[in-house]
Amino acid sequence: MASILVVDDEPGVRSSVAGVLSDEGLAVDTAASGEECLERAVTGAYNVIVLDIWLPGIDGLTTLQRLSERGVDARVVMMSGHGSIEQAVKAIKLGAFDFVEKPLSLEKTVLVVRNALRQHRLEQENRALRARVDSPVTLVGDSPAMQALRRVVETAGPTTGRVLILGENGTGKEVVARLMHHQSSRRHRPFVEVNCAAIPEELIETELFGHVRGAFTGAVADRPGRFEQADGGTLFLDEIGDMSLKTQAKVLRVLQEQALERVGGTQRVRVDVRVLAATNKDLQTEIRQGRFREDLFFRLSVVPITIPPLRERREDIAVLAEHFMATIAREYGRRIRRLSPEATARLQAYDWPGNVRELRNAVERLIIMGHDDTVSADEVAFLGDDARHGVVREAASGAAGTRLAEARDAFEREFILRTLARAQGNMSRTAELLGLERSNLYKKMRAFGILPRRDGA
């Protein structure tokens, strides 16, 4: 419940304001002087302070100034029976949220307090969000591969060189990109991410380069694109291998000229952007097959970085699991669980086709569903062959009178689901991996009762 402190030397004013705010479901305390206000504000956590200007002892403006000096986290609403523009301006300059005049309109006072509460809540949420966004990202693991990766990041991060990050889905390409941004001189400027695979082809250009008013139906105002939003900072082009050749050509031009034209516009806009790109595709193969521009590849891969899959650095699995245990337990307000030696062995024996992302999801499940302080081997049994291929294994063994056609269908369904997960739900990528036309893939998914993801991720 929000907490309010009403400060006025007149008992009638304190009583009436406290009464109407209490009727609004707010917790209200009162004080009769500036000194009492300071004492209460330092020891109590108030969201809003309603403070009279004319007080015995130290006046309201002095009290307001001292509240600010002491770092009291509350919005302050000033009130006075002798209000003037000069006093109102001075109060606002000292940090007051708003100013109301006596005789008080209780309806207006409630409205102003509600607005102050909303502002206070938004500021708290903004601080919490910035704390999460600005929290230092780290590469967890002590394997030789991770040590080598750290050295490359530490060397290339502080530069302005373009970096191409390669690796399977879930290996942590975004983490590497954010870490490089945080280590650069641009760390106080925007980090803007674009998932090229998740944006429809007809929207990708306006998303990247922006548009001018009237460029197309629905373009009712000028809109900057991601390149402009990242000006002075870093633009992370994730899944760059899924970008069309047409868009690739325009991105190449921006990289060459450090300038762009919005969709439908003719004016050139200068941008200062460091571009980091990532993909899970083999771009050399894509180049040979005519799906990726070789000149763009050379522009992007000034510093190429390959992140090894988790199965190639099994010594990092236990360290990562413990890291996620602590992080997720803190997020959920749960106790940190410890892995038993048997559970650790099972985690390390698993191939982790979804890499670090899959490991984090597994740990989250262990935190949510666990009851003991220690994770047993049985709790991670869902990672075993019986859990991953249960449908296929049952069909292949002929259990429950399974016929050959049923076994084949079970295998196909499981294989499509696994491939969808590998492609993060991207239908074009899934069809490519399966060697199917998209139309045939949709038909099979409908037949097996598999619903495509709507977010296109």
Protein backbone atom coordinates (compact mmCIF):
# COMPACT_ATOMS: atom_id res chain seq x y z
CA MET A 1 0.00 0.00 0.00
CA ALA A 2 1.26 3.49 -0.87
CA SER A 3 2.27 5.61 2.11
CA ILE A 4 1.67 9.38 2.42
CA LEU A 5 2.98 11.95 4.94
CA VAL A 6 0.87 15.13 5.42
CA VAL A 7 2.78 18.05 7.00
CA ASP A 8 0.86 21.11 8.24
CA ASP A 9 0.79 23.08 11.49
CA GLU A 10 -3.03 23.37 11.39
CA PRO A 11 -4.74 20.29 12.94
CA GLY A 12 -7.86 20.81 10.83
CA VAL A 13 -5.91 20.74 7.56
CA ARG A 14 -3.96 17.64 8.65
CA SER A 15 -7.18 15.88 9.61
CA SER A 16 -9.14 16.72 6.45
CA VAL A 17 -6.32 15.88 4.01
CA ALA A 18 -5.42 12.68 5.88
CA GLY A 19 -9.07 11.67 5.96
CA VAL A 20 -9.74 12.08 2.25
CA LEU A 21 -6.49 10.29 1.31
CA SER A 22 -7.29 7.43 3.71
CA ASP A 23 -10.66 7.11 2.01
CA GLU A 24 -8.72 6.55 -1.22
CA GLY A 25 -7.11 3.46 0.31
CA LEU A 26 -3.78 5.11 1.12
CA ALA A 27 -1.79 4.79 4.35
CA VAL A 28 -1.43 8.28 5.82
CA ASP A 29 0.78 9.71 8.61
CA THR A 30 0.85 13.34 9.75
CA ALA A 31 3.43 15.78 11.09
CA ALA A 32 3.05 19.31 12.49
CA SER A 33 6.45 20.82 11.63
CA GLY A 34 9.36 20.68 9.25
CA GLU A 35 11.58 19.12 11.92
CA GLU A 36 9.06 16.33 12.54
CA CYS A 37 8.72 15.82 8.78
CA LEU A 38 12.48 15.33 8.39
CA GLU A 39 12.61 12.91 11.30
CA ARG A 40 9.72 10.83 9.96
CA ALA A 41 10.89 10.92 6.33
CA VAL A 42 14.38 9.66 7.20
CA THR A 43 13.10 6.77 9.33
CA GLY A 44 10.00 5.89 7.26
CA ALA A 45 9.47 5.00 3.61
CA TYR A 46 6.94 7.44 2.15
CA ASN A 47 5.93 7.57 -1.48
CA VAL A 48 4.52 11.13 -1.34
CA ILE A 49 4.90 14.00 1.14
CA VAL A 50 2.24 16.74 1.16
CA LEU A 51 4.11 19.71 2.65
CA ASP A 52 2.89 23.16 3.70
CA ILE A 53 5.16 26.10 2.87
CA TRP A 54 4.39 28.14 6.01
CA LEU A 55 5.51 26.14 9.04
CA PRO A 56 6.83 27.09 12.50
CA GLY A 57 10.56 26.59 12.82
CA ILE A 58 12.06 25.66 9.45
CA ASP A 59 9.65 26.52 6.66
CA GLY A 60 8.44 24.22 3.91
CA LEU A 61 10.92 25.30 1.25
CA THR A 62 13.85 24.72 3.61
CA THR A 63 12.36 21.36 4.58
CA LEU A 64 12.04 20.47 0.90
CA GLN A 65 15.68 21.34 0.30
CA ARG A 66 16.83 19.22 3.26
CA LEU A 67 14.71 16.29 2.11
CA SER A 68 16.55 16.44 -1.20
CA GLU A 69 19.96 16.73 0.48
CA ARG A 70 19.22 13.66 2.62
CA GLY A 71 18.23 11.61 -0.42
CA VAL A 72 14.64 11.00 0.65
CA ASP A 73 12.96 9.02 -2.16
CA ALA A 74 9.50 10.61 -2.16
CA ARG A 75 7.57 12.95 -4.44
CA VAL A 76 6.76 16.23 -2.63
CA VAL A 77 3.54 18.19 -3.18
CA MET A 78 3.69 21.75 -1.76
CA MET A 79 0.64 23.62 -0.40
CA SER A 80 0.17 27.18 0.80
CA GLY A 81 -2.56 29.66 1.69
CA HIS A 82 -0.39 32.50 0.46
CA GLY A 83 0.68 31.02 -2.86
CA SER A 84 2.45 32.99 -5.50
CA ILE A 85 4.00 32.25 -8.85
CA GLU A 86 7.43 33.00 -7.39
CA GLN A 87 7.01 30.48 -4.56
CA ALA A 88 5.66 27.84 -6.92
CA VAL A 89 8.61 28.27 -9.30
CA LYS A 90 11.09 28.10 -6.41
CA ALA A 91 9.44 24.95 -5.06
CA ILE A 92 9.58 23.24 -8.45
CA LYS A 93 13.24 24.21 -8.86
CA LEU A 94 13.97 22.64 -5.48
CA GLY A 95 12.42 19.39 -6.67
CA ALA A 96 8.74 19.61 -5.74
CA PHE A 97 6.41 17.54 -7.91
CA ASP A 98 3.50 20.01 -7.86
CA PHE A 99 1.95 22.92 -5.96
CA VAL A 100 -1.63 23.33 -4.61
CA GLU A 101 -3.19 26.43 -3.04
CA LYS A 102 -5.30 26.83 0.07
CA PRO A 103 -8.16 26.76 0.67
CA LEU A 104 -7.61 23.26 -0.62
CA SER A 105 -9.84 21.59 -3.13
CA LEU A 106 -9.76 18.08 -1.69
CA GLU A 107 -10.69 16.65 -5.09
CA LYS A 108 -7.72 18.40 -6.74
CA THR A 109 -5.42 17.40 -3.87
CA VAL A 110 -6.33 13.73 -4.34
CA LEU A 111 -5.70 14.03 -8.09
CA VAL A 112 -2.28 15.64 -7.57
CA VAL A 113 -1.28 13.00 -5.00
CA ARG A 114 -2.39 10.23 -7.37
CA ASN A 115 -0.25 11.75 -10.13
CA ALA A 116 2.71 12.01 -7.74
CA LEU A 117 2.27 8.34 -6.76
CA ARG A 118 2.21 7.35 -10.42
CA GLN A 119 5.39 9.33 -11.08
CA HIS A 120 7.10 7.79 -8.07
CA ARG A 121 6.17 4.27 -9.21
CA LEU A 122 7.39 4.91 -12.76
CA GLU A 123 10.72 6.22 -11.49
CA GLN A 124 11.18 3.16 -9.29
CA GLU A 125 10.37 0.85 -12.21
CA ASN A 126 12.76 2.78 -14.44
CA ARG A 127 15.59 2.47 -11.92
CA ALA A 128 14.93 -1.24 -11.56
CA LEU A 129 14.89 -1.68 -15.32
CA ARG A 130 18.10 0.29 -15.80
CA ALA A 131 19.75 -1.75 -13.06
CA ARG A 132 18.87 -4.91 -14.98
CA VAL A 133 19.90 -3.53 -18.37
CA ASP A 134 23.12 -1.97 -17.10
CA SER A 135 24.10 -4.93 -14.94
CA PRO A 136 27.46 -6.27 -16.08
CA VAL A 137 27.14 -9.24 -18.44
CA THR A 138 29.68 -11.99 -18.01
CA LEU A 139 30.95 -15.04 -19.86
CA VAL A 140 30.64 -17.91 -17.41
CA GLY A 141 33.03 -20.84 -17.73
CA ASP A 142 36.70 -21.70 -17.30
CA SER A 143 37.23 -24.04 -20.22
CA PRO A 144 40.10 -23.25 -22.63
CA ALA A 145 37.52 -22.29 -25.26
CA MET A 146 35.88 -19.74 -22.94
CA GLN A 147 39.24 -18.34 -21.84
CA ALA A 148 40.17 -17.81 -25.49
CA LEU A 149 36.78 -16.19 -26.14
CA ARG A 150 37.28 -13.78 -23.23
CA ARG A 151 40.66 -12.73 -24.59
CA VAL A 152 39.18 -11.97 -28.01
CA VAL A 153 36.31 -9.99 -26.47
CA GLU A 154 38.66 -8.04 -24.20
CA THR A 155 40.86 -7.19 -27.17
CA ALA A 156 38.19 -6.32 -29.72
CA GLY A 157 35.56 -4.89 -27.34
CA PRO A 158 37.16 -1.47 -26.72
CA THR A 159 37.64 -0.85 -30.46
CA THR A 160 35.14 0.36 -33.04
CA GLY A 161 35.77 -2.61 -35.35
CA ARG A 162 32.81 -4.57 -36.68
CA VAL A 163 32.43 -8.05 -35.26
CA LEU A 164 30.71 -11.13 -36.72
CA ILE A 165 29.64 -13.58 -34.02
CA LEU A 166 29.07 -17.16 -35.17
CA GLY A 167 27.54 -20.02 -33.24
CA GLU A 168 24.59 -22.33 -32.82
CA ASN A 169 21.30 -21.14 -31.34
CA GLY A 170 21.48 -20.65 -27.59
CA THR A 171 25.26 -20.38 -27.31
CA GLY A 172 25.19 -16.79 -26.07
CA LYS A 173 25.82 -14.63 -29.13
CA GLU A 174 23.77 -11.76 -27.70
CA VAL A 175 25.70 -11.96 -24.41
CA VAL A 176 28.97 -11.58 -26.31
CA ALA A 177 27.57 -8.61 -28.25
CA ARG A 178 26.39 -6.85 -25.08
CA LEU A 179 29.71 -7.53 -23.37
CA MET A 180 31.60 -5.96 -26.26
CA HIS A 181 29.33 -2.92 -26.10
CA HIS A 182 29.86 -2.56 -22.33
CA GLN A 183 33.64 -2.70 -22.81
CA SER A 184 33.67 -0.06 -25.53
CA SER A 185 33.75 3.74 -25.31
CA ARG A 186 30.12 3.63 -26.53
CA ARG A 187 28.84 1.87 -23.39
CA HIS A 188 26.91 4.96 -22.25
CA ARG A 189 25.17 5.21 -25.61
CA PRO A 190 22.32 2.99 -26.89
CA PHE A 191 22.64 -0.73 -27.54
CA VAL A 192 19.95 -1.52 -30.13
CA GLU A 193 19.14 -5.09 -31.12
CA VAL A 194 17.37 -6.26 -34.28
CA ASN A 195 16.39 -9.89 -34.85
CA CYS A 196 16.49 -10.06 -38.64
CA ALA A 197 14.73 -13.45 -38.71
CA ALA A 198 11.75 -12.23 -36.69
CA ILE A 199 10.83 -9.22 -38.85
CA PRO A 200 8.80 -9.82 -42.04
CA GLU A 201 10.58 -9.01 -45.28
CA GLU A 202 8.16 -6.20 -46.13
CA LEU A 203 8.90 -4.45 -42.81
CA ILE A 204 12.64 -4.96 -42.35
CA GLU A 205 13.71 -1.87 -44.32
CA THR A 206 11.47 0.58 -42.48
CA GLU A 207 12.53 -1.09 -39.22
CA LEU A 208 16.22 -0.55 -39.99
CA PHE A 209 16.18 2.76 -41.87
CA GLY A 210 12.91 4.39 -40.72
CA HIS A 211 10.38 6.09 -42.98
CA VAL A 212 8.97 9.50 -43.77
CA ARG A 213 5.36 10.56 -43.48
CA GLY A 214 3.31 9.30 -46.42
CA ALA A 215 5.88 6.70 -47.49
CA PHE A 216 3.15 4.05 -47.41
CA THR A 217 -0.36 3.54 -46.08
CA GLY A 218 -0.30 4.04 -42.33
CA ALA A 219 2.89 6.15 -42.29
CA VAL A 220 1.24 9.12 -40.58
CA ALA A 221 4.48 10.59 -39.22
CA ASP A 222 8.24 10.45 -39.71
CA ARG A 223 9.81 7.55 -37.83
CA PRO A 224 13.52 6.93 -37.22
CA GLY A 225 14.84 3.41 -37.80
CA ARG A 226 17.14 1.28 -35.69
CA PHE A 227 20.29 2.75 -37.26
CA GLU A 228 19.28 6.23 -36.12
CA GLN A 229 18.19 4.97 -32.70
CA ALA A 230 21.67 3.47 -32.25
CA ASP A 231 23.49 6.66 -33.31
CA GLY A 232 26.63 7.02 -31.22
CA GLY A 233 26.16 3.50 -29.86
CA THR A 234 26.00 -0.08 -31.06
CA LEU A 235 23.59 -1.84 -33.43
CA PHE A 236 23.37 -5.61 -33.02
CA LEU A 237 22.03 -7.38 -36.12
CA ASP A 238 21.08 -10.82 -34.87
CA GLU A 239 20.44 -13.65 -37.38
CA ILE A 240 21.98 -11.58 -40.18
CA GLY A 241 22.03 -14.70 -42.36
CA ASP A 242 18.22 -14.52 -42.67
CA MET A 243 18.29 -11.04 -44.21
CA SER A 244 17.22 -10.77 -47.87
CA LEU A 245 19.74 -9.83 -50.56
CA LYS A 246 17.87 -6.59 -51.24
CA THR A 247 18.15 -5.47 -47.62
CA GLN A 248 21.76 -6.69 -47.45
CA ALA A 249 22.64 -4.30 -50.28
CA LYS A 250 21.15 -1.33 -48.40
CA VAL A 251 22.87 -2.28 -45.14
CA LEU A 252 26.18 -2.53 -47.03
CA ARG A 253 25.68 0.97 -48.39
CA VAL A 254 25.04 2.38 -44.91
CA LEU A 255 28.19 0.67 -43.60
CA GLN A 256 30.23 2.12 -46.45
CA GLU A 257 28.88 5.66 -46.30
CA GLN A 258 27.74 5.97 -42.65
CA ALA A 259 24.60 7.60 -44.01
CA LEU A 260 21.10 6.45 -44.93
CA GLU A 261 17.85 7.55 -46.50
CA ARG A 262 14.57 6.78 -44.77
CA VAL A 263 12.02 4.78 -46.75
CA GLY A 264 10.15 7.25 -48.96
CA GLY A 265 12.61 10.04 -48.27
CA THR A 266 15.40 11.74 -50.19
CA GLN A 267 17.32 13.46 -47.39
CA ARG A 268 20.52 11.71 -46.27
CA VAL A 269 20.88 11.14 -42.54
CA ARG A 270 24.37 10.74 -41.10
CA VAL A 271 24.82 8.01 -38.46
CA ASP A 272 27.73 6.96 -36.28
CA VAL A 273 27.05 3.33 -35.44
CA ARG A 274 29.19 0.36 -34.54
CA VAL A 275 27.63 -2.75 -36.06
CA LEU A 276 27.89 -6.17 -34.46
CA ALA A 277 26.27 -9.07 -36.32
CA ALA A 278 25.51 -12.68 -35.45
CA THR A 279 24.23 -15.78 -37.19
CA ASN A 280 23.86 -19.52 -36.69
CA LYS A 281 24.36 -20.15 -40.42
CA ASP A 282 27.52 -21.03 -42.33
CA LEU A 283 27.86 -17.79 -44.29
CA GLN A 284 30.51 -19.20 -46.61
CA THR A 285 27.99 -21.81 -47.75
CA GLU A 286 25.32 -19.11 -48.02
CA ILE A 287 27.68 -17.06 -50.22
CA ARG A 288 28.39 -20.01 -52.52
CA GLN A 289 24.66 -20.65 -52.89
CA GLY A 290 23.98 -16.99 -53.69
CA ARG A 291 22.00 -16.20 -50.52
CA PHE A 292 24.50 -13.86 -48.85
CA ARG A 293 26.62 -11.06 -50.28
CA GLU A 294 30.34 -11.70 -50.09
CA ASP A 295 31.13 -7.97 -49.89
CA LEU A 296 28.81 -7.59 -46.88
CA PHE A 297 30.45 -10.61 -45.26
CA PHE A 298 33.86 -8.95 -45.53
CA ARG A 299 32.46 -5.67 -44.16
CA LEU A 300 30.95 -7.40 -41.14
CA SER A 301 33.70 -9.86 -40.29
CA VAL A 302 36.52 -7.50 -39.43
CA VAL A 303 36.77 -9.56 -36.24
CA PRO A 304 35.08 -12.98 -36.56
CA ILE A 305 34.23 -14.77 -33.30
CA THR A 306 32.98 -18.34 -33.05
CA ILE A 307 31.24 -19.44 -29.85
CA PRO A 308 31.62 -23.18 -29.26
CA PRO A 309 28.50 -25.24 -28.47
CA LEU A 310 28.05 -26.43 -24.90
CA ARG A 311 28.73 -30.08 -25.79
CA GLU A 312 32.28 -29.08 -26.77
CA ARG A 313 33.00 -27.51 -23.38
CA ARG A 314 31.34 -29.87 -20.93
CA GLU A 315 33.60 -28.69 -18.11
CA ASP A 316 31.62 -25.44 -18.10
CA ILE A 317 28.23 -27.10 -17.58
CA ALA A 318 28.42 -27.40 -13.78
CA VAL A 319 29.69 -23.82 -13.41
CA LEU A 320 26.94 -22.48 -15.65
CA ALA A 321 24.28 -24.50 -13.81
CA GLU A 322 25.41 -23.09 -10.45
CA HIS A 323 25.44 -19.57 -11.91
CA PHE A 324 21.87 -19.97 -13.18
CA MET A 325 20.79 -21.54 -9.88
CA ALA A 326 21.86 -18.42 -8.00
CA THR A 327 20.46 -15.97 -10.59
CA ILE A 328 17.07 -17.64 -11.02
CA ALA A 329 16.62 -18.32 -7.30
CA ARG A 330 17.15 -14.60 -6.68
CA GLU A 331 14.62 -13.69 -9.40
CA TYR A 332 11.97 -15.99 -7.92
CA GLY A 333 12.76 -15.30 -4.29
CA ARG A 334 13.60 -18.98 -3.75
CA ARG A 335 16.44 -20.65 -1.92
CA ILE A 336 19.50 -21.67 -3.95
CA ARG A 337 19.61 -25.40 -4.60
CA ARG A 338 22.82 -27.40 -4.92
CA LEU A 339 23.49 -30.09 -7.50
CA SER A 340 24.28 -33.56 -6.23
CA PRO A 341 27.32 -35.25 -7.84
CA GLU A 342 24.96 -37.65 -9.64
CA ALA A 343 22.84 -34.78 -11.00
CA THR A 344 25.97 -32.96 -12.15
CA ALA A 345 27.16 -36.08 -13.95
CA ARG A 346 23.84 -36.35 -15.78
CA LEU A 347 23.97 -32.70 -16.82
CA GLN A 348 27.49 -33.14 -18.16
CA ALA A 349 26.57 -36.31 -20.06
CA TYR A 350 23.73 -34.59 -21.93
CA ASP A 351 24.47 -33.09 -25.37
CA TRP A 352 22.44 -29.85 -24.90
CA PRO A 353 21.24 -29.27 -28.46
CA GLY A 354 19.73 -25.98 -27.25
CA ASN A 355 23.06 -25.04 -25.64
CA VAL A 356 23.22 -22.51 -22.80
CA ARG A 357 19.62 -21.38 -23.32
CA GLU A 358 18.37 -24.95 -22.84
CA LEU A 359 20.53 -25.36 -19.73
CA ARG A 360 19.07 -22.19 -18.23
CA ASN A 361 15.54 -23.41 -18.90
CA ALA A 362 16.36 -26.74 -17.26
CA VAL A 363 17.74 -25.02 -14.18
CA GLU A 364 14.67 -22.78 -14.00
CA ARG A 365 12.52 -25.91 -13.98
CA LEU A 366 14.62 -27.36 -11.13
CA ILE A 367 14.19 -24.15 -9.11
CA ILE A 368 10.42 -23.98 -9.67
CA MET A 369 9.64 -27.64 -9.09
CA GLY A 370 12.23 -28.48 -6.44
CA HIS A 371 11.46 -28.98 -2.75
CA ASP A 372 14.82 -30.01 -1.29
CA ASP A 373 18.06 -28.09 -0.96
CA THR A 374 19.85 -30.62 -3.18
CA VAL A 375 18.99 -31.58 -6.75
CA SER A 376 18.93 -35.36 -7.11
CA ALA A 377 19.77 -37.38 -10.23
CA ASP A 378 16.11 -38.35 -10.62
CA GLU A 379 15.11 -34.69 -10.97
CA VAL A 380 17.20 -34.33 -14.13
CA ALA A 381 16.03 -37.59 -15.63
CA PHE A 382 13.88 -35.57 -18.05
CA LEU A 383 17.10 -34.85 -19.97
CA GLY A 384 17.75 -38.51 -20.70
CA ASP A 385 17.01 -40.43 -23.90
CA ASP A 386 13.72 -41.70 -22.55
CA ALA A 387 12.52 -38.12 -22.03
CA ARG A 388 13.81 -36.70 -25.35
CA HIS A 389 12.79 -39.60 -27.55
CA GLY A 390 10.05 -41.24 -25.49
CA VAL A 391 7.50 -41.23 -28.29
CA VAL A 392 9.98 -42.57 -30.82
CA ARG A 393 11.39 -45.22 -28.48
CA GLU A 394 7.91 -46.48 -27.58
CA ALA A 395 6.93 -46.68 -31.24
CA ALA A 396 10.17 -48.40 -32.26
CA SER A 397 9.79 -51.04 -29.55
CA GLY A 398 6.29 -51.93 -30.78
CA ALA A 399 4.77 -51.03 -27.40
CA ALA A 400 1.00 -51.02 -27.10
CA GLY A 401 0.61 -52.68 -30.49
CA THR A 402 2.20 -49.84 -32.46
CA ARG A 403 2.08 -50.30 -36.23
CA LEU A 404 4.84 -49.33 -38.67
CA ALA A 405 2.85 -46.36 -39.99
CA GLU A 406 2.26 -45.13 -36.44
CA ALA A 407 5.95 -45.50 -35.63
CA ARG A 408 6.92 -43.54 -38.74
CA ASP A 409 4.43 -40.77 -37.91
CA ALA A 410 5.70 -40.59 -34.31
CA PHE A 411 9.27 -40.27 -35.53
CA GLU A 412 8.38 -37.58 -38.08
CA ARG A 413 6.43 -35.57 -35.52
CA GLU A 414 9.28 -35.70 -32.99
CA PHE A 415 11.85 -34.83 -35.67
CA ILE A 416 9.85 -31.79 -36.83
CA LEU A 417 9.44 -30.59 -33.24
CA ARG A 418 13.19 -30.88 -32.61
CA THR A 419 14.01 -29.05 -35.83
CA LEU A 420 11.50 -26.30 -35.01
CA ALA A 421 13.19 -25.86 -31.64
CA ARG A 422 16.60 -25.72 -33.29
CA ALA A 423 15.34 -23.02 -35.70
CA GLN A 424 13.64 -21.15 -32.82
CA GLY A 425 10.26 -21.51 -34.54
CA ASN A 426 11.38 -19.85 -37.80
CA MET A 427 9.36 -21.65 -40.49
CA SER A 428 11.65 -20.84 -43.42
CA ARG A 429 14.71 -22.05 -41.55
CA THR A 430 12.88 -25.20 -40.38
CA ALA A 431 11.77 -26.04 -43.92
CA GLU A 432 15.33 -25.52 -45.16
CA LEU A 433 16.80 -27.81 -42.48
CA LEU A 434 14.22 -30.50 -43.23
CA GLY A 435 14.64 -30.20 -46.99
CA LEU A 436 10.95 -29.44 -47.47
CA GLU A 437 8.93 -26.74 -49.20
CA ARG A 438 7.21 -24.46 -46.69
CA SER A 439 3.80 -25.54 -47.98
CA ASN A 440 4.65 -29.21 -47.38
CA LEU A 441 5.96 -28.40 -43.92
CA TYR A 442 2.71 -26.64 -43.01
CA LYS A 443 0.71 -29.63 -44.26
CA LYS A 444 2.71 -32.06 -42.13
CA MET A 445 2.45 -29.81 -39.07
CA ARG A 446 -1.32 -29.59 -39.46
CA ALA A 447 -1.53 -33.37 -39.83
CA PHE A 448 0.49 -33.87 -36.63
CA GLY A 449 -1.35 -31.16 -34.68
CA ILE A 450 1.72 -28.91 -34.41
CA LEU A 451 0.92 -25.20 -34.23
CA PRO A 452 3.45 -22.72 -35.68
CA ARG A 453 4.69 -20.01 -33.31
CA ARG A 454 3.04 -16.66 -34.02
CA ASP A 455 6.01 -14.50 -33.00
CA GLY A 456 8.14 -15.80 -35.85
CA ALA A 457 11.15 -16.04 -33.54
